[in-house]
Amino acid sequence: MPGKRIALAADHGGFDQKQSLKTWLVSQGYSLKDFGSDSASKSVDYPDYAHIVAKMVKKGEADFGILVCGTGLGMAIAANKVAGIRAVPVTSVDFAVLAREHNDANVLALSGRYTDDATNKNIVTAFLTTDFASEVDGSSSRHARRVAKLEG
């Protein structure tokens, strides 16, 4: 899926991994916009960054969002406040695949403190290259029916 547009942001707890992911994603051929933060030492509020990325995805200005904070949990909670966003905190490749296949997740929240850089890159690869299982044998899948219910 290189060429897909990625909105990327982190708070201070995820800054270092965001910087590593940013360089790596560009080298993989993805187009990305970095929305900050700009420092690991200056404390910032993760909801501010999560909302920016979630709104970019909602408006269709990014295909996917990637957020990094200390755990990924707060970022996912904040991003999910934006209608149409299905943000997931992920710490394993298997969960990244399932989040895309079963939940059509569109924002990935990563842990900058508890998941190492190599694992996060593998998670990102799985997330960005896995398609939503929207159809089975030419008709809507059970996953599509369930995701539709998430929209209210």
Protein backbone atom coordinates (compact mmCIF):
# COMPACT_ATOMS: atom_id res chain seq x y z
CA MET A 1 0.00 0.00 0.00
CA PRO A 2 2.83 2.46 -0.41
CA GLY A 3 1.49 5.78 -1.62
CA LYS A 4 -1.28 5.78 0.97
CA ARG A 5 -1.58 9.03 2.90
CA ILE A 6 -0.77 8.76 6.60
CA ALA A 7 -1.51 11.34 9.30
CA LEU A 8 1.06 10.87 12.07
CA ALA A 9 1.30 12.37 15.56
CA ALA A 10 2.64 11.65 19.02
CA ASP A 11 2.79 13.18 22.44
CA HIS A 12 6.08 13.52 24.32
CA GLY A 13 5.92 9.84 25.38
CA GLY A 14 5.79 8.68 21.78
CA PHE A 15 8.00 11.31 20.18
CA ASP A 16 11.13 9.20 19.68
CA GLN A 17 9.25 6.33 18.05
CA LYS A 18 7.23 8.76 15.93
CA GLN A 19 10.46 10.17 14.56
CA SER A 20 11.74 6.68 13.73
CA LEU A 21 8.41 5.68 12.15
CA LYS A 22 8.32 8.90 10.13
CA THR A 23 11.69 8.25 8.48
CA TRP A 24 10.88 4.59 7.93
CA LEU A 25 7.39 5.22 6.45
CA VAL A 26 8.78 7.69 3.93
CA SER A 27 11.48 5.17 2.97
CA GLN A 28 8.68 2.62 2.37
CA GLY A 29 6.95 4.96 -0.09
CA TYR A 30 4.13 6.28 2.09
CA SER A 31 3.04 9.89 1.94
CA LEU A 32 2.74 11.37 5.40
CA LYS A 33 2.00 14.50 7.31
CA ASP A 34 3.53 14.88 10.77
CA PHE A 35 1.31 16.82 13.17
CA GLY A 36 3.76 16.82 16.10
CA SER A 37 4.72 16.87 18.83
CA ASP A 38 8.19 18.24 18.43
CA SER A 39 9.93 17.08 21.60
CA ALA A 40 10.28 14.20 24.01
CA SER A 41 11.12 16.58 26.84
CA LYS A 42 8.22 19.05 26.61
CA SER A 43 5.00 17.64 28.10
CA VAL A 44 1.96 17.99 25.82
CA ASP A 45 -1.65 16.79 25.94
CA TYR A 46 -2.23 13.67 23.83
CA PRO A 47 -5.93 14.41 23.07
CA ASP A 48 -4.91 17.49 21.08
CA TYR A 49 -2.80 15.37 18.73
CA ALA A 50 -5.28 12.50 18.54
CA HIS A 51 -8.09 14.84 17.52
CA ILE A 52 -6.02 16.42 14.73
CA VAL A 53 -5.15 13.04 13.21
CA ALA A 54 -8.68 11.65 13.63
CA LYS A 55 -10.18 14.68 11.90
CA MET A 56 -7.74 14.32 8.99
CA VAL A 57 -8.86 10.70 8.51
CA LYS A 58 -12.54 11.60 8.90
CA LYS A 59 -12.28 14.35 6.26
CA GLY A 60 -10.54 11.95 3.86
CA GLU A 61 -7.34 13.99 3.88
CA ALA A 62 -5.48 10.92 5.14
CA ASP A 63 -6.17 7.26 4.44
CA PHE A 64 -4.97 6.16 7.87
CA GLY A 65 -3.82 7.72 11.11
CA ILE A 66 -0.96 6.58 13.29
CA LEU A 67 -0.66 7.87 16.85
CA VAL A 68 2.05 7.18 19.41
CA CYS A 69 1.93 7.90 23.12
CA GLY A 70 3.34 6.14 26.17
CA THR A 71 0.85 3.27 25.97
CA GLY A 72 -1.32 4.00 22.92
CA LEU A 73 -4.37 3.81 25.16
CA GLY A 74 -5.08 7.51 25.69
CA MET A 75 -4.56 8.31 22.04
CA ALA A 76 -7.07 5.62 21.00
CA ILE A 77 -9.66 6.85 23.50
CA ALA A 78 -9.29 10.44 22.31
CA ALA A 79 -9.35 9.57 18.59
CA ASN A 80 -12.49 7.49 19.03
CA LYS A 81 -14.37 10.61 20.15
CA VAL A 82 -14.42 11.65 16.47
CA ALA A 83 -17.39 10.11 14.64
CA GLY A 84 -16.33 7.61 11.99
CA ILE A 85 -13.00 6.85 13.58
CA ARG A 86 -12.17 3.33 14.65
CA ALA A 87 -8.92 3.75 16.55
CA VAL A 88 -7.25 0.73 18.12
CA PRO A 89 -4.35 0.47 20.55
CA VAL A 90 -2.21 -2.37 19.22
CA THR A 91 0.82 -4.14 20.68
CA SER A 92 1.03 -7.18 18.39
CA VAL A 93 1.05 -7.95 14.68
CA ASP A 94 -1.88 -10.36 15.07
CA PHE A 95 -4.03 -7.66 16.66
CA ALA A 96 -3.11 -5.23 13.85
CA VAL A 97 -4.28 -7.74 11.24
CA LEU A 98 -7.51 -8.49 13.09
CA ALA A 99 -8.22 -4.79 13.69
CA ARG A 100 -8.13 -4.20 9.95
CA GLU A 101 -9.82 -7.43 8.81
CA HIS A 102 -12.63 -7.49 11.37
CA ASN A 103 -13.06 -3.88 12.50
CA ASP A 104 -11.97 -1.81 9.50
CA ALA A 105 -9.81 0.20 11.92
CA ASN A 106 -8.60 3.43 10.39
CA VAL A 107 -6.37 4.80 13.15
CA LEU A 108 -3.56 2.87 14.80
CA ALA A 109 -2.42 3.82 18.31
CA LEU A 110 1.00 2.57 19.33
CA SER A 111 2.94 2.41 22.58
CA GLY A 112 6.17 4.34 22.53
CA ARG A 113 7.24 3.11 25.95
CA TYR A 114 6.19 -0.55 26.13
CA THR A 115 6.63 -1.75 22.54
CA ASP A 116 10.01 -1.62 20.86
CA ASP A 117 10.63 0.18 17.58
CA ALA A 118 11.05 -2.98 15.47
CA THR A 119 7.79 -4.46 16.75
CA ASN A 120 5.94 -1.20 16.11
CA LYS A 121 7.23 -1.18 12.53
CA ASN A 122 5.96 -4.73 12.05
CA ILE A 123 2.60 -3.69 13.52
CA VAL A 124 2.41 -0.71 11.16
CA THR A 125 3.26 -2.90 8.17
CA ALA A 126 0.54 -5.39 9.07
CA PHE A 127 -2.00 -2.62 9.68
CA LEU A 128 -1.32 -0.76 6.44
CA THR A 129 -1.21 -3.85 4.23
CA THR A 130 -4.24 -5.73 5.58
CA ASP A 131 -7.61 -5.18 3.92
CA PHE A 132 -10.99 -5.11 5.61
CA ALA A 133 -12.89 -8.37 5.09
CA SER A 134 -15.96 -6.53 3.79
CA GLU A 135 -17.11 -9.29 1.46
CA VAL A 136 -17.26 -13.06 1.49
CA ASP A 137 -18.23 -14.84 -1.71
CA GLY A 138 -19.52 -11.62 -3.25
CA SER A 139 -21.79 -10.55 -0.40
CA SER A 140 -21.33 -8.45 2.73
CA SER A 141 -19.43 -10.17 5.49
CA ARG A 142 -20.47 -10.45 9.10
CA HIS A 143 -17.67 -7.98 9.80
CA ALA A 144 -19.23 -5.34 7.52
CA ARG A 145 -22.56 -5.78 9.30
CA ARG A 146 -20.90 -5.34 12.68
CA VAL A 147 -18.82 -2.33 11.66
CA ALA A 148 -21.98 -0.66 10.34
CA LYS A 149 -23.47 -1.01 13.81
CA LEU A 150 -20.53 0.91 15.27
CA GLU A 151 -21.68 4.02 13.41
CA GLY A 152 -24.91 4.07 15.41
